[in-house]
Amino acid sequence: MNRRPIGYYVHHHGAGHRARADAIVAASDWPIVLLGTGLGGAGIDLPDDRPVSGCFDGRDFADCRPDALHYAPLDHEGVRARVAEMAGWIATARPALMVVDVSVEAAMVARLASVPTVYVRLNGERDDAAHRDAFRGASALLAPFHPALEASATPGWVRDKTRYLPGITAEACAGTPIDRRILVVFGRGGAAGDGAMLVDAARACPQWEWRVIGPATTPADIPANLEFAGWVDAPGREIARARIVVGAAGDGLVGAVMAADRPFVCVPEDRPFGEQRATARGLDRIGAAVVLPEWPGGESWPVLIEKALSLRSSARRALHDERGAQKAASWLGGMAASVTCGIKEHAV
């Protein structure tokens, strides 16, 4: 069988989109070609669509934009070249399928070029016209989270079209937790951690060792039980060695904590469409994390730690699938085979 490739569009904001793509590629026996900005030679490196200033918050400042688009700045050379390169690759490579993680504009380009699309659907209340059209135009939707974490407002037709595949990027690392170690995790997609509030937390719990990974401000006066480690090569191993994990509600971190089966204190960050807050509500609903609306004062931490330690391990384990990447790769390969061979339906 002639295996026409799967194209995989990778959004350039944050690390989760690329991590998801890499995990699926590694698990797949079907040829997958990545398309995106800043891929470093790992695929088709598309021209940058961000403003010349380099400051990107998703706004295009266009005064006339169709409701079906989110980001469509006018007279932008990078956008023009980007669309042309995507369309040119599609015309030459004839992909059987395009996975879009995530961009309603990239999904529109693929759909207009007559390519079936699988749209990666993140959590949150994505009920705007652009998302609805991307969901309707896709052959299927992929949600990289457990259905128990689904936003309550998500329509039934969207749920019915969705394949839920938790655990795609979460590989449980072996490790024995270090007694009385709290790991605080900050990622690439949000603001740096507040060092002063971390100092207050560590001082309120002197019997615990606090280790911080990722970006955070570092005050001058740091207590002996607080360590700022910065970026680390293997955050999964760090999580496996922690007794308790504190962090936001991004898919990557939530998946890693559930895979490691560690008590979790979740402080969701503001994201478009309430993505992290929807995930956090799901975690709270099923008792898989202690969820807080914002970072608490130091005096709150002793009680929060006890609450986290009392959570049921079974709630966390239920949210993880150790074969998430393999299932995603098999499902996408099956869809590509359906297109290549003219098969209407493929079940995994």
C-alpha atoms as a PDB file:
ATOM      1  CA  MET A   1       0.000   0.000   0.000  1.00  0.00           C
ATOM      2  CA  ASN A   2       1.280   3.470  -0.927  1.00  0.00           C
ATOM      3  CA  ARG A   3       1.414   5.280   2.401  1.00  0.00           C
ATOM      4  CA  ARG A   4       0.627   8.906   1.679  1.00  0.00           C
ATOM      5  CA  PRO A   5       1.968  10.929   4.631  1.00  0.00           C
ATOM      6  CA  ILE A   6       0.118  12.466   7.523  1.00  0.00           C
ATOM      7  CA  GLY A   7       0.844  16.177   7.891  1.00  0.00           C
ATOM      8  CA  TYR A   8       0.978  17.433  11.470  1.00  0.00           C
ATOM      9  CA  TYR A   9       0.705  21.186  12.048  1.00  0.00           C
ATOM     10  CA  VAL A  10       2.420  22.241  15.303  1.00  0.00           C
ATOM     11  CA  HIS A  11       1.539  25.551  16.941  1.00  0.00           C
ATOM     12  CA  HIS A  12       4.566  27.512  18.126  1.00  0.00           C
ATOM     13  CA  HIS A  13       3.262  28.872  21.445  1.00  0.00           C
ATOM     14  CA  GLY A  14       4.215  26.845  24.504  1.00  0.00           C
ATOM     15  CA  ALA A  15       5.825  23.405  24.545  1.00  0.00           C
ATOM     16  CA  GLY A  16       2.788  21.105  24.677  1.00  0.00           C
ATOM     17  CA  HIS A  17       1.931  21.033  20.970  1.00  0.00           C
ATOM     18  CA  ARG A  18       5.423  19.965  19.931  1.00  0.00           C
ATOM     19  CA  ALA A  19       5.699  17.410  22.751  1.00  0.00           C
ATOM     20  CA  ARG A  20       2.416  15.846  21.654  1.00  0.00           C
ATOM     21  CA  ALA A  21       3.520  15.688  18.017  1.00  0.00           C
ATOM     22  CA  ASP A  22       6.901  14.164  18.903  1.00  0.00           C
ATOM     23  CA  ALA A  23       5.271  11.465  21.052  1.00  0.00           C
ATOM     24  CA  ILE A  24       2.848  10.479  18.288  1.00  0.00           C
ATOM     25  CA  VAL A  25       5.591  10.448  15.636  1.00  0.00           C
ATOM     26  CA  ALA A  26       7.757   8.205  17.837  1.00  0.00           C
ATOM     27  CA  ALA A  27       4.864   5.751  18.313  1.00  0.00           C
ATOM     28  CA  SER A  28       3.729   5.685  14.676  1.00  0.00           C
ATOM     29  CA  ASP A  29       4.636   3.335  11.845  1.00  0.00           C
ATOM     30  CA  TRP A  30       2.926   5.689   9.386  1.00  0.00           C
ATOM     31  CA  PRO A  31       4.997   8.517   7.823  1.00  0.00           C
ATOM     32  CA  ILE A  32       4.245  11.807   9.596  1.00  0.00           C
ATOM     33  CA  VAL A  33       5.637  15.185   8.501  1.00  0.00           C
ATOM     34  CA  LEU A  34       5.623  18.073  10.976  1.00  0.00           C
ATOM     35  CA  LEU A  35       4.815  21.595   9.785  1.00  0.00           C
ATOM     36  CA  GLY A  36       5.351  24.628  11.979  1.00  0.00           C
ATOM     37  CA  THR A  37       7.570  27.526  12.954  1.00  0.00           C
ATOM     38  CA  GLY A  38      10.841  26.863  14.776  1.00  0.00           C
ATOM     39  CA  LEU A  39      10.953  23.097  14.241  1.00  0.00           C
ATOM     40  CA  GLY A  40      14.740  23.118  13.994  1.00  0.00           C
ATOM     41  CA  GLY A  41      15.001  20.871  10.945  1.00  0.00           C
ATOM     42  CA  ALA A  42      12.492  18.294  12.237  1.00  0.00           C
ATOM     43  CA  GLY A  43       9.980  18.998   9.480  1.00  0.00           C
ATOM     44  CA  ILE A  44       8.674  21.768   7.217  1.00  0.00           C
ATOM     45  CA  ASP A  45       9.773  24.990   8.918  1.00  0.00           C
ATOM     46  CA  LEU A  46       7.093  27.543   8.074  1.00  0.00           C
ATOM     47  CA  PRO A  47       7.693  31.304   7.957  1.00  0.00           C
ATOM     48  CA  ASP A  48       6.786  33.075  11.179  1.00  0.00           C
ATOM     49  CA  ASP A  49       3.310  34.596  11.360  1.00  0.00           C
ATOM     50  CA  ARG A  50       3.890  36.602  14.515  1.00  0.00           C
ATOM     51  CA  PRO A  51       4.079  40.415  14.538  1.00  0.00           C
ATOM     52  CA  VAL A  52       7.451  41.925  13.663  1.00  0.00           C
ATOM     53  CA  SER A  53       7.699  43.083  17.292  1.00  0.00           C
ATOM     54  CA  GLY A  54       7.873  39.417  18.333  1.00  0.00           C
ATOM     55  CA  CYS A  55       5.210  40.006  20.996  1.00  0.00           C
ATOM     56  CA  PHE A  56       2.443  37.501  20.285  1.00  0.00           C
ATOM     57  CA  ASP A  57      -0.794  37.335  22.242  1.00  0.00           C
ATOM     58  CA  GLY A  58      -3.011  35.964  19.494  1.00  0.00           C
ATOM     59  CA  ARG A  59      -4.433  39.354  18.478  1.00  0.00           C
ATOM     60  CA  ASP A  60      -4.061  40.498  14.883  1.00  0.00           C
ATOM     61  CA  PHE A  61      -5.558  44.006  15.313  1.00  0.00           C
ATOM     62  CA  ALA A  62      -7.456  43.554  12.036  1.00  0.00           C
ATOM     63  CA  ASP A  63     -10.587  45.686  11.815  1.00  0.00           C
ATOM     64  CA  CYS A  64     -12.263  43.327   9.335  1.00  0.00           C
ATOM     65  CA  ARG A  65     -11.895  39.622  10.033  1.00  0.00           C
ATOM     66  CA  PRO A  66     -14.339  36.821   9.170  1.00  0.00           C
ATOM     67  CA  ASP A  67     -15.880  35.104  12.171  1.00  0.00           C
ATOM     68  CA  ALA A  68     -14.347  31.808  10.979  1.00  0.00           C
ATOM     69  CA  LEU A  69     -10.801  33.042  11.701  1.00  0.00           C
ATOM     70  CA  HIS A  70      -8.958  33.904  14.919  1.00  0.00           C
ATOM     71  CA  TYR A  71      -5.713  35.377  13.641  1.00  0.00           C
ATOM     72  CA  ALA A  72      -5.531  36.921  10.177  1.00  0.00           C
ATOM     73  CA  PRO A  73      -3.375  40.085  10.126  1.00  0.00           C
ATOM     74  CA  LEU A  74      -3.488  42.039   6.887  1.00  0.00           C
ATOM     75  CA  ASP A  75      -0.465  42.610   4.633  1.00  0.00           C
ATOM     76  CA  HIS A  76       1.810  40.327   6.674  1.00  0.00           C
ATOM     77  CA  GLU A  77       4.596  38.785   4.581  1.00  0.00           C
ATOM     78  CA  GLY A  78       5.114  35.892   6.981  1.00  0.00           C
ATOM     79  CA  VAL A  79       1.447  34.883   6.846  1.00  0.00           C
ATOM     80  CA  ARG A  80       1.430  35.106   3.049  1.00  0.00           C
ATOM     81  CA  ALA A  81       4.536  32.925   2.702  1.00  0.00           C
ATOM     82  CA  ARG A  82       3.316  30.519   5.369  1.00  0.00           C
ATOM     83  CA  VAL A  83       0.007  29.809   3.628  1.00  0.00           C
ATOM     84  CA  ALA A  84       1.768  29.431   0.266  1.00  0.00           C
ATOM     85  CA  GLU A  85       4.282  26.934   1.683  1.00  0.00           C
ATOM     86  CA  MET A  86       1.581  24.863   3.387  1.00  0.00           C
ATOM     87  CA  ALA A  87      -0.515  24.760   0.234  1.00  0.00           C
ATOM     88  CA  GLY A  88       2.534  23.934  -1.885  1.00  0.00           C
ATOM     89  CA  TRP A  89       3.530  21.039   0.374  1.00  0.00           C
ATOM     90  CA  ILE A  90      -0.024  19.685   0.329  1.00  0.00           C
ATOM     91  CA  ALA A  91      -0.116  19.839  -3.481  1.00  0.00           C
ATOM     92  CA  THR A  92       3.217  18.005  -3.787  1.00  0.00           C
ATOM     93  CA  ALA A  93       3.013  15.487  -0.914  1.00  0.00           C
ATOM     94  CA  ARG A  94      -0.748  14.765  -1.232  1.00  0.00           C
ATOM     95  CA  PRO A  95      -1.142  13.964   2.489  1.00  0.00           C
ATOM     96  CA  ALA A  96      -3.852  11.500   3.394  1.00  0.00           C
ATOM     97  CA  LEU A  97      -4.608  13.466   6.556  1.00  0.00           C
ATOM     98  CA  MET A  98      -3.689  16.704   8.339  1.00  0.00           C
ATOM     99  CA  VAL A  99      -3.561  16.847  12.121  1.00  0.00           C
ATOM    100  CA  VAL A 100      -3.891  20.441  13.319  1.00  0.00           C
ATOM    101  CA  ASP A 101      -2.528  21.177  16.814  1.00  0.00           C
ATOM    102  CA  VAL A 102      -3.832  23.903  16.933  1.00  0.00           C
ATOM    103  CA  SER A 103      -4.952  26.677  14.553  1.00  0.00           C
ATOM    104  CA  VAL A 104      -8.315  27.256  12.953  1.00  0.00           C
ATOM    105  CA  GLU A 105      -6.474  28.997  10.097  1.00  0.00           C
ATOM    106  CA  ALA A 106      -4.224  25.989   9.393  1.00  0.00           C
ATOM    107  CA  ALA A 107      -7.298  23.747   9.522  1.00  0.00           C
ATOM    108  CA  MET A 108      -9.027  26.031   7.017  1.00  0.00           C
ATOM    109  CA  VAL A 109      -6.051  25.914   4.637  1.00  0.00           C
ATOM    110  CA  ALA A 110      -5.978  22.105   4.769  1.00  0.00           C
ATOM    111  CA  ARG A 111      -9.752  21.801   4.330  1.00  0.00           C
ATOM    112  CA  LEU A 112      -9.725  24.223   1.382  1.00  0.00           C
ATOM    113  CA  ALA A 113      -6.921  22.123  -0.136  1.00  0.00           C
ATOM    114  CA  SER A 114      -9.212  19.060   0.040  1.00  0.00           C
ATOM    115  CA  VAL A 115      -7.355  17.272   2.856  1.00  0.00           C
ATOM    116  CA  PRO A 116      -9.278  15.503   5.668  1.00  0.00           C
ATOM    117  CA  THR A 117      -8.361  17.056   9.008  1.00  0.00           C
ATOM    118  CA  VAL A 118      -8.147  15.884  12.603  1.00  0.00           C
ATOM    119  CA  TYR A 119      -8.360  18.912  14.865  1.00  0.00           C
ATOM    120  CA  VAL A 120      -6.701  18.701  18.281  1.00  0.00           C
ATOM    121  CA  ARG A 121      -9.310  20.064  20.663  1.00  0.00           C
ATOM    122  CA  LEU A 122      -8.020  21.529  23.891  1.00  0.00           C
ATOM    123  CA  ASN A 123     -10.229  21.919  26.935  1.00  0.00           C
ATOM    124  CA  GLY A 124     -12.317  24.976  27.732  1.00  0.00           C
ATOM    125  CA  GLU A 125     -15.430  26.656  26.405  1.00  0.00           C
ATOM    126  CA  ARG A 126     -14.502  26.948  22.721  1.00  0.00           C
ATOM    127  CA  ASP A 127     -17.939  27.885  21.471  1.00  0.00           C
ATOM    128  CA  ASP A 128     -16.946  30.842  19.263  1.00  0.00           C
ATOM    129  CA  ALA A 129     -17.721  30.770  15.539  1.00  0.00           C
ATOM    130  CA  ALA A 130     -14.129  30.026  14.483  1.00  0.00           C
ATOM    131  CA  HIS A 131     -13.805  26.970  16.707  1.00  0.00           C
ATOM    132  CA  ARG A 132     -17.262  25.702  15.766  1.00  0.00           C
ATOM    133  CA  ASP A 133     -16.376  25.889  12.062  1.00  0.00           C
ATOM    134  CA  ALA A 134     -13.019  24.146  12.612  1.00  0.00           C
ATOM    135  CA  PHE A 135     -14.790  21.374  14.547  1.00  0.00           C
ATOM    136  CA  ARG A 136     -17.490  21.001  11.884  1.00  0.00           C
ATOM    137  CA  GLY A 137     -14.972  20.932   9.042  1.00  0.00           C
ATOM    138  CA  ALA A 138     -12.797  18.280  10.670  1.00  0.00           C
ATOM    139  CA  SER A 139     -13.250  14.594   9.970  1.00  0.00           C
ATOM    140  CA  ALA A 140     -12.625  13.950  13.684  1.00  0.00           C
ATOM    141  CA  LEU A 141     -11.471  15.702  16.848  1.00  0.00           C
ATOM    142  CA  LEU A 142      -8.673  14.591  19.166  1.00  0.00           C
ATOM    143  CA  ALA A 143      -8.829  15.578  22.837  1.00  0.00           C
ATOM    144  CA  PRO A 144      -5.545  14.917  24.685  1.00  0.00           C
ATOM    145  CA  PHE A 145      -7.317  14.561  28.027  1.00  0.00           C
ATOM    146  CA  HIS A 146      -9.685  12.179  29.796  1.00  0.00           C
ATOM    147  CA  PRO A 147     -13.420  12.708  29.165  1.00  0.00           C
ATOM    148  CA  ALA A 148     -13.925  13.149  32.917  1.00  0.00           C
ATOM    149  CA  LEU A 149     -12.116  16.493  32.571  1.00  0.00           C
ATOM    150  CA  GLU A 150     -14.373  17.733  29.778  1.00  0.00           C
ATOM    151  CA  ALA A 151     -15.878  21.213  30.170  1.00  0.00           C
ATOM    152  CA  SER A 152     -19.531  20.865  31.147  1.00  0.00           C
ATOM    153  CA  ALA A 153     -20.651  23.323  28.451  1.00  0.00           C
ATOM    154  CA  THR A 154     -19.180  21.300  25.553  1.00  0.00           C
ATOM    155  CA  PRO A 155     -22.028  20.421  23.136  1.00  0.00           C
ATOM    156  CA  GLY A 156     -22.982  16.788  22.591  1.00  0.00           C
ATOM    157  CA  TRP A 157     -22.155  16.848  18.871  1.00  0.00           C
ATOM    158  CA  VAL A 158     -18.593  17.955  19.679  1.00  0.00           C
ATOM    159  CA  ARG A 159     -18.192  15.197  22.286  1.00  0.00           C
ATOM    160  CA  ASP A 160     -19.558  12.619  19.834  1.00  0.00           C
ATOM    161  CA  LYS A 161     -16.974  13.657  17.235  1.00  0.00           C
ATOM    162  CA  THR A 162     -14.105  13.515  19.739  1.00  0.00           C
ATOM    163  CA  ARG A 163     -11.615  10.733  20.390  1.00  0.00           C
ATOM    164  CA  TYR A 164     -10.329  11.199  23.965  1.00  0.00           C
ATOM    165  CA  LEU A 165      -6.671  10.165  24.234  1.00  0.00           C
ATOM    166  CA  PRO A 166      -5.080  11.022  27.589  1.00  0.00           C
ATOM    167  CA  GLY A 167      -1.476  10.143  28.320  1.00  0.00           C
ATOM    168  CA  ILE A 168      -0.004  11.000  24.907  1.00  0.00           C
ATOM    169  CA  THR A 169       2.985  12.862  26.338  1.00  0.00           C
ATOM    170  CA  ALA A 170       2.952  11.447  29.854  1.00  0.00           C
ATOM    171  CA  GLU A 171       5.441   8.646  30.337  1.00  0.00           C
ATOM    172  CA  ALA A 172       5.630   7.485  33.929  1.00  0.00           C
ATOM    173  CA  CYS A 173       9.231   7.707  35.124  1.00  0.00           C
ATOM    174  CA  ALA A 174      10.579   5.268  37.660  1.00  0.00           C
ATOM    175  CA  GLY A 175      11.569   6.790  40.939  1.00  0.00           C
ATOM    176  CA  THR A 176      11.001   6.680  44.657  1.00  0.00           C
ATOM    177  CA  PRO A 177       9.622   9.925  46.037  1.00  0.00           C
ATOM    178  CA  ILE A 178      11.911  11.821  48.337  1.00  0.00           C
ATOM    179  CA  ASP A 179      10.171  12.113  51.662  1.00  0.00           C
ATOM    180  CA  ARG A 180       8.908  15.617  52.399  1.00  0.00           C
ATOM    181  CA  ARG A 181       9.867  17.078  48.999  1.00  0.00           C
ATOM    182  CA  ILE A 182       7.409  19.465  47.332  1.00  0.00           C
ATOM    183  CA  LEU A 183       8.070  20.124  43.657  1.00  0.00           C
ATOM    184  CA  VAL A 184       6.724  23.379  42.200  1.00  0.00           C
ATOM    185  CA  VAL A 185       6.549  23.430  38.394  1.00  0.00           C
ATOM    186  CA  PHE A 186       6.334  26.443  36.087  1.00  0.00           C
ATOM    187  CA  GLY A 187       6.214  26.000  32.318  1.00  0.00           C
ATOM    188  CA  ARG A 188       6.874  27.903  29.113  1.00  0.00           C
ATOM    189  CA  GLY A 189       3.308  28.941  28.378  1.00  0.00           C
ATOM    190  CA  GLY A 190       2.640  31.191  31.376  1.00  0.00           C
ATOM    191  CA  ALA A 191       4.171  33.792  33.652  1.00  0.00           C
ATOM    192  CA  ALA A 192       7.240  33.137  35.791  1.00  0.00           C
ATOM    193  CA  GLY A 193       6.636  32.019  39.359  1.00  0.00           C
ATOM    194  CA  ASP A 194       6.537  34.624  42.108  1.00  0.00           C
ATOM    195  CA  GLY A 195       9.676  34.027  44.165  1.00  0.00           C
ATOM    196  CA  ALA A 196       8.411  36.065  47.125  1.00  0.00           C
ATOM    197  CA  MET A 197       5.293  33.877  47.469  1.00  0.00           C
ATOM    198  CA  LEU A 198       7.434  30.746  47.198  1.00  0.00           C
ATOM    199  CA  VAL A 199       9.594  32.057  50.020  1.00  0.00           C
ATOM    200  CA  ASP A 200       6.470  32.576  52.155  1.00  0.00           C
ATOM    201  CA  ALA A 201       5.301  29.030  51.439  1.00  0.00           C
ATOM    202  CA  ALA A 202       8.670  27.485  52.286  1.00  0.00           C
ATOM    203  CA  ARG A 203       8.940  29.440  55.522  1.00  0.00           C
ATOM    204  CA  ALA A 204       5.434  28.374  56.543  1.00  0.00           C
ATOM    205  CA  CYS A 205       6.425  24.698  56.109  1.00  0.00           C
ATOM    206  CA  PRO A 206      10.041  24.440  57.298  1.00  0.00           C
ATOM    207  CA  GLN A 207       9.806  20.650  57.658  1.00  0.00           C
ATOM    208  CA  TRP A 208       9.319  20.331  53.867  1.00  0.00           C
ATOM    209  CA  GLU A 209      11.954  20.684  51.151  1.00  0.00           C
ATOM    210  CA  TRP A 210      10.677  22.937  48.335  1.00  0.00           C
ATOM    211  CA  ARG A 211      12.220  22.566  44.868  1.00  0.00           C
ATOM    212  CA  VAL A 212      11.169  24.868  42.013  1.00  0.00           C
ATOM    213  CA  ILE A 213      11.704  24.022  38.338  1.00  0.00           C
ATOM    214  CA  GLY A 214      11.016  26.301  35.401  1.00  0.00           C
ATOM    215  CA  PRO A 215      11.057  30.120  35.323  1.00  0.00           C
ATOM    216  CA  ALA A 216      10.647  31.979  38.613  1.00  0.00           C
ATOM    217  CA  THR A 217      11.891  35.189  40.137  1.00  0.00           C
ATOM    218  CA  THR A 218      14.533  34.612  42.815  1.00  0.00           C
ATOM    219  CA  PRO A 219      14.499  36.885  45.860  1.00  0.00           C
ATOM    220  CA  ALA A 220      17.714  37.790  47.620  1.00  0.00           C
ATOM    221  CA  ASP A 221      16.798  36.124  50.917  1.00  0.00           C
ATOM    222  CA  ILE A 222      16.015  32.450  50.229  1.00  0.00           C
ATOM    223  CA  PRO A 223      15.402  30.030  53.125  1.00  0.00           C
ATOM    224  CA  ALA A 224      17.509  26.877  53.328  1.00  0.00           C
ATOM    225  CA  ASN A 225      14.547  24.602  52.488  1.00  0.00           C
ATOM    226  CA  LEU A 226      13.845  26.331  49.133  1.00  0.00           C
ATOM    227  CA  GLU A 227      15.766  25.643  45.902  1.00  0.00           C
ATOM    228  CA  PHE A 228      15.323  27.308  42.511  1.00  0.00           C
ATOM    229  CA  ALA A 229      16.576  24.796  39.933  1.00  0.00           C
ATOM    230  CA  GLY A 230      15.457  26.628  36.758  1.00  0.00           C
ATOM    231  CA  TRP A 231      14.999  24.610  33.569  1.00  0.00           C
ATOM    232  CA  VAL A 232      15.723  20.894  33.914  1.00  0.00           C
ATOM    233  CA  ASP A 233      16.296  18.218  31.269  1.00  0.00           C
ATOM    234  CA  ALA A 234      13.921  15.603  32.673  1.00  0.00           C
ATOM    235  CA  PRO A 235      10.866  17.119  34.448  1.00  0.00           C
ATOM    236  CA  GLY A 236       9.222  13.677  34.491  1.00  0.00           C
ATOM    237  CA  ARG A 237      11.982  12.345  36.729  1.00  0.00           C
ATOM    238  CA  GLU A 238      11.621  15.390  38.967  1.00  0.00           C
ATOM    239  CA  ILE A 239       7.895  14.677  39.328  1.00  0.00           C
ATOM    240  CA  ALA A 240       8.562  11.005  40.083  1.00  0.00           C
ATOM    241  CA  ARG A 241      10.913  12.003  42.917  1.00  0.00           C
ATOM    242  CA  ALA A 242       8.467  14.462  44.506  1.00  0.00           C
ATOM    243  CA  ARG A 243       6.131  13.662  47.376  1.00  0.00           C
ATOM    244  CA  ILE A 244       3.714  16.426  46.320  1.00  0.00           C
ATOM    245  CA  VAL A 245       3.556  18.433  43.070  1.00  0.00           C
ATOM    246  CA  VAL A 246       2.314  22.013  42.783  1.00  0.00           C
ATOM    247  CA  GLY A 247       1.595  23.579  39.407  1.00  0.00           C
ATOM    248  CA  ALA A 248      -0.873  24.827  36.836  1.00  0.00           C
ATOM    249  CA  ALA A 249      -3.459  22.863  34.817  1.00  0.00           C
ATOM    250  CA  GLY A 250      -1.785  22.516  31.441  1.00  0.00           C
ATOM    251  CA  ASP A 251      -2.255  19.162  29.680  1.00  0.00           C
ATOM    252  CA  GLY A 252       1.443  18.293  29.866  1.00  0.00           C
ATOM    253  CA  LEU A 253       1.853  18.809  33.597  1.00  0.00           C
ATOM    254  CA  VAL A 254      -1.510  17.281  34.527  1.00  0.00           C
ATOM    255  CA  GLY A 255      -0.706  14.218  32.434  1.00  0.00           C
ATOM    256  CA  ALA A 256       2.752  13.836  33.952  1.00  0.00           C
ATOM    257  CA  VAL A 257       1.456  14.141  37.533  1.00  0.00           C
ATOM    258  CA  MET A 258      -1.341  11.637  36.914  1.00  0.00           C
ATOM    259  CA  ALA A 259       1.136   9.232  35.258  1.00  0.00           C
ATOM    260  CA  ALA A 260       3.462   9.470  38.262  1.00  0.00           C
ATOM    261  CA  ASP A 261       0.497   9.181  40.669  1.00  0.00           C
ATOM    262  CA  ARG A 262       1.595  12.047  42.889  1.00  0.00           C
ATOM    263  CA  PRO A 263      -0.643  14.236  45.096  1.00  0.00           C
ATOM    264  CA  PHE A 264      -1.312  17.449  43.195  1.00  0.00           C
ATOM    265  CA  VAL A 265      -2.021  21.018  44.265  1.00  0.00           C
ATOM    266  CA  CYS A 266      -3.342  22.712  41.132  1.00  0.00           C
ATOM    267  CA  VAL A 267      -3.359  26.482  40.618  1.00  0.00           C
ATOM    268  CA  PRO A 268      -4.773  27.017  37.112  1.00  0.00           C
ATOM    269  CA  GLU A 269      -3.536  29.945  35.058  1.00  0.00           C
ATOM    270  CA  ASP A 270      -5.641  32.165  32.842  1.00  0.00           C
ATOM    271  CA  ARG A 271      -5.671  30.879  29.268  1.00  0.00           C
ATOM    272  CA  PRO A 272      -7.838  31.641  26.249  1.00  0.00           C
ATOM    273  CA  PHE A 273     -11.288  30.023  26.429  1.00  0.00           C
ATOM    274  CA  GLY A 274     -10.757  29.086  30.093  1.00  0.00           C
ATOM    275  CA  GLU A 275      -8.740  25.998  29.123  1.00  0.00           C
ATOM    276  CA  GLN A 276      -6.887  25.471  32.392  1.00  0.00           C
ATOM    277  CA  ARG A 277      -9.802  26.411  34.600  1.00  0.00           C
ATOM    278  CA  ALA A 278     -12.007  23.847  32.848  1.00  0.00           C
ATOM    279  CA  THR A 279      -9.378  21.149  33.442  1.00  0.00           C
ATOM    280  CA  ALA A 280      -8.970  22.231  37.062  1.00  0.00           C
ATOM    281  CA  ARG A 281     -12.728  22.019  37.657  1.00  0.00           C
ATOM    282  CA  GLY A 282     -12.656  18.470  36.335  1.00  0.00           C
ATOM    283  CA  LEU A 283      -9.745  17.536  38.607  1.00  0.00           C
ATOM    284  CA  ASP A 284     -11.609  18.985  41.578  1.00  0.00           C
ATOM    285  CA  ARG A 285     -14.869  17.294  40.623  1.00  0.00           C
ATOM    286  CA  ILE A 286     -13.376  13.791  40.700  1.00  0.00           C
ATOM    287  CA  GLY A 287     -11.015  14.409  43.620  1.00  0.00           C
ATOM    288  CA  ALA A 288      -7.776  14.116  41.647  1.00  0.00           C
ATOM    289  CA  ALA A 289      -6.240  17.369  42.921  1.00  0.00           C
ATOM    290  CA  VAL A 290      -6.543  20.150  45.465  1.00  0.00           C
ATOM    291  CA  VAL A 291      -7.604  23.068  43.249  1.00  0.00           C
ATOM    292  CA  LEU A 292      -7.076  26.709  44.169  1.00  0.00           C
ATOM    293  CA  PRO A 293      -8.292  29.829  42.324  1.00  0.00           C
ATOM    294  CA  GLU A 294      -4.961  31.587  42.879  1.00  0.00           C
ATOM    295  CA  TRP A 295      -1.641  31.144  44.652  1.00  0.00           C
ATOM    296  CA  PRO A 296      -2.367  31.133  48.413  1.00  0.00           C
ATOM    297  CA  GLY A 297      -0.611  32.939  51.216  1.00  0.00           C
ATOM    298  CA  GLY A 298       2.069  31.127  53.168  1.00  0.00           C
ATOM    299  CA  GLU A 299      -0.183  30.461  56.166  1.00  0.00           C
ATOM    300  CA  SER A 300      -2.490  28.285  54.008  1.00  0.00           C
ATOM    301  CA  TRP A 301       0.128  25.746  52.998  1.00  0.00           C
ATOM    302  CA  PRO A 302       0.196  23.410  56.028  1.00  0.00           C
ATOM    303  CA  VAL A 303      -3.516  22.617  55.602  1.00  0.00           C
ATOM    304  CA  LEU A 304      -3.229  22.367  51.790  1.00  0.00           C
ATOM    305  CA  ILE A 305      -0.406  19.855  52.095  1.00  0.00           C
ATOM    306  CA  GLU A 306      -2.482  17.657  54.391  1.00  0.00           C
ATOM    307  CA  LYS A 307      -5.433  17.866  52.000  1.00  0.00           C
ATOM    308  CA  ALA A 308      -3.228  16.854  49.058  1.00  0.00           C
ATOM    309  CA  LEU A 309      -1.839  13.851  50.960  1.00  0.00           C
ATOM    310  CA  SER A 310      -5.385  12.681  51.741  1.00  0.00           C
ATOM    311  CA  LEU A 311      -6.471  12.520  48.066  1.00  0.00           C
ATOM    312  CA  ARG A 312      -7.318   9.099  46.645  1.00  0.00           C
ATOM    313  CA  SER A 313      -4.647   7.642  44.392  1.00  0.00           C
ATOM    314  CA  SER A 314      -7.316   5.830  42.363  1.00  0.00           C
ATOM    315  CA  ALA A 315      -8.734   9.148  41.122  1.00  0.00           C
ATOM    316  CA  ARG A 316      -5.379  10.100  39.649  1.00  0.00           C
ATOM    317  CA  ARG A 317      -4.679   6.695  38.133  1.00  0.00           C
ATOM    318  CA  ALA A 318      -8.052   6.684  36.376  1.00  0.00           C
ATOM    319  CA  LEU A 319      -7.043   9.741  34.317  1.00  0.00           C
ATOM    320  CA  HIS A 320      -3.897   8.214  32.819  1.00  0.00           C
ATOM    321  CA  ASP A 321      -3.450   5.852  29.894  1.00  0.00           C
ATOM    322  CA  GLU A 322       0.095   4.557  29.568  1.00  0.00           C
ATOM    323  CA  ARG A 323      -0.602   3.656  25.921  1.00  0.00           C
ATOM    324  CA  GLY A 324      -1.931   7.090  24.976  1.00  0.00           C
ATOM    325  CA  ALA A 325       0.695   7.822  22.316  1.00  0.00           C
ATOM    326  CA  GLN A 326       0.392   4.364  20.766  1.00  0.00           C
ATOM    327  CA  LYS A 327      -3.405   4.597  20.630  1.00  0.00           C
ATOM    328  CA  ALA A 328      -3.233   8.054  19.042  1.00  0.00           C
ATOM    329  CA  ALA A 329      -0.706   6.903  16.446  1.00  0.00           C
ATOM    330  CA  SER A 330      -2.748   3.784  15.604  1.00  0.00           C
ATOM    331  CA  TRP A 331      -5.985   5.752  15.300  1.00  0.00           C
ATOM    332  CA  LEU A 332      -4.423   8.399  13.019  1.00  0.00           C
ATOM    333  CA  GLY A 333      -2.716   5.730  10.918  1.00  0.00           C
ATOM    334  CA  GLY A 334      -6.046   3.989  10.539  1.00  0.00           C
ATOM    335  CA  MET A 335      -7.698   7.184   9.337  1.00  0.00           C
ATOM    336  CA  ALA A 336      -4.868   7.772   6.847  1.00  0.00           C
ATOM    337  CA  ALA A 337      -5.266   4.205   5.594  1.00  0.00           C
ATOM    338  CA  SER A 338      -9.001   4.772   5.170  1.00  0.00           C
ATOM    339  CA  VAL A 339      -8.322   7.733   2.907  1.00  0.00           C
ATOM    340  CA  THR A 340      -5.552   5.970   0.992  1.00  0.00           C
ATOM    341  CA  CYS A 341      -7.564   2.802   0.411  1.00  0.00           C
ATOM    342  CA  GLY A 342     -11.004   4.375   0.163  1.00  0.00           C
ATOM    343  CA  ILE A 343     -12.227   2.643   3.331  1.00  0.00           C
ATOM    344  CA  LYS A 344     -15.079   4.537   4.951  1.00  0.00           C
ATOM    345  CA  GLU A 345     -14.502   3.549   8.552  1.00  0.00           C
ATOM    346  CA  HIS A 346     -11.566   2.302  10.617  1.00  0.00           C
ATOM    347  CA  ALA A 347     -11.923   1.282  14.244  1.00  0.00           C
ATOM    348  CA  VAL A 348      -9.033   0.786  16.694  1.00  0.00           C
END
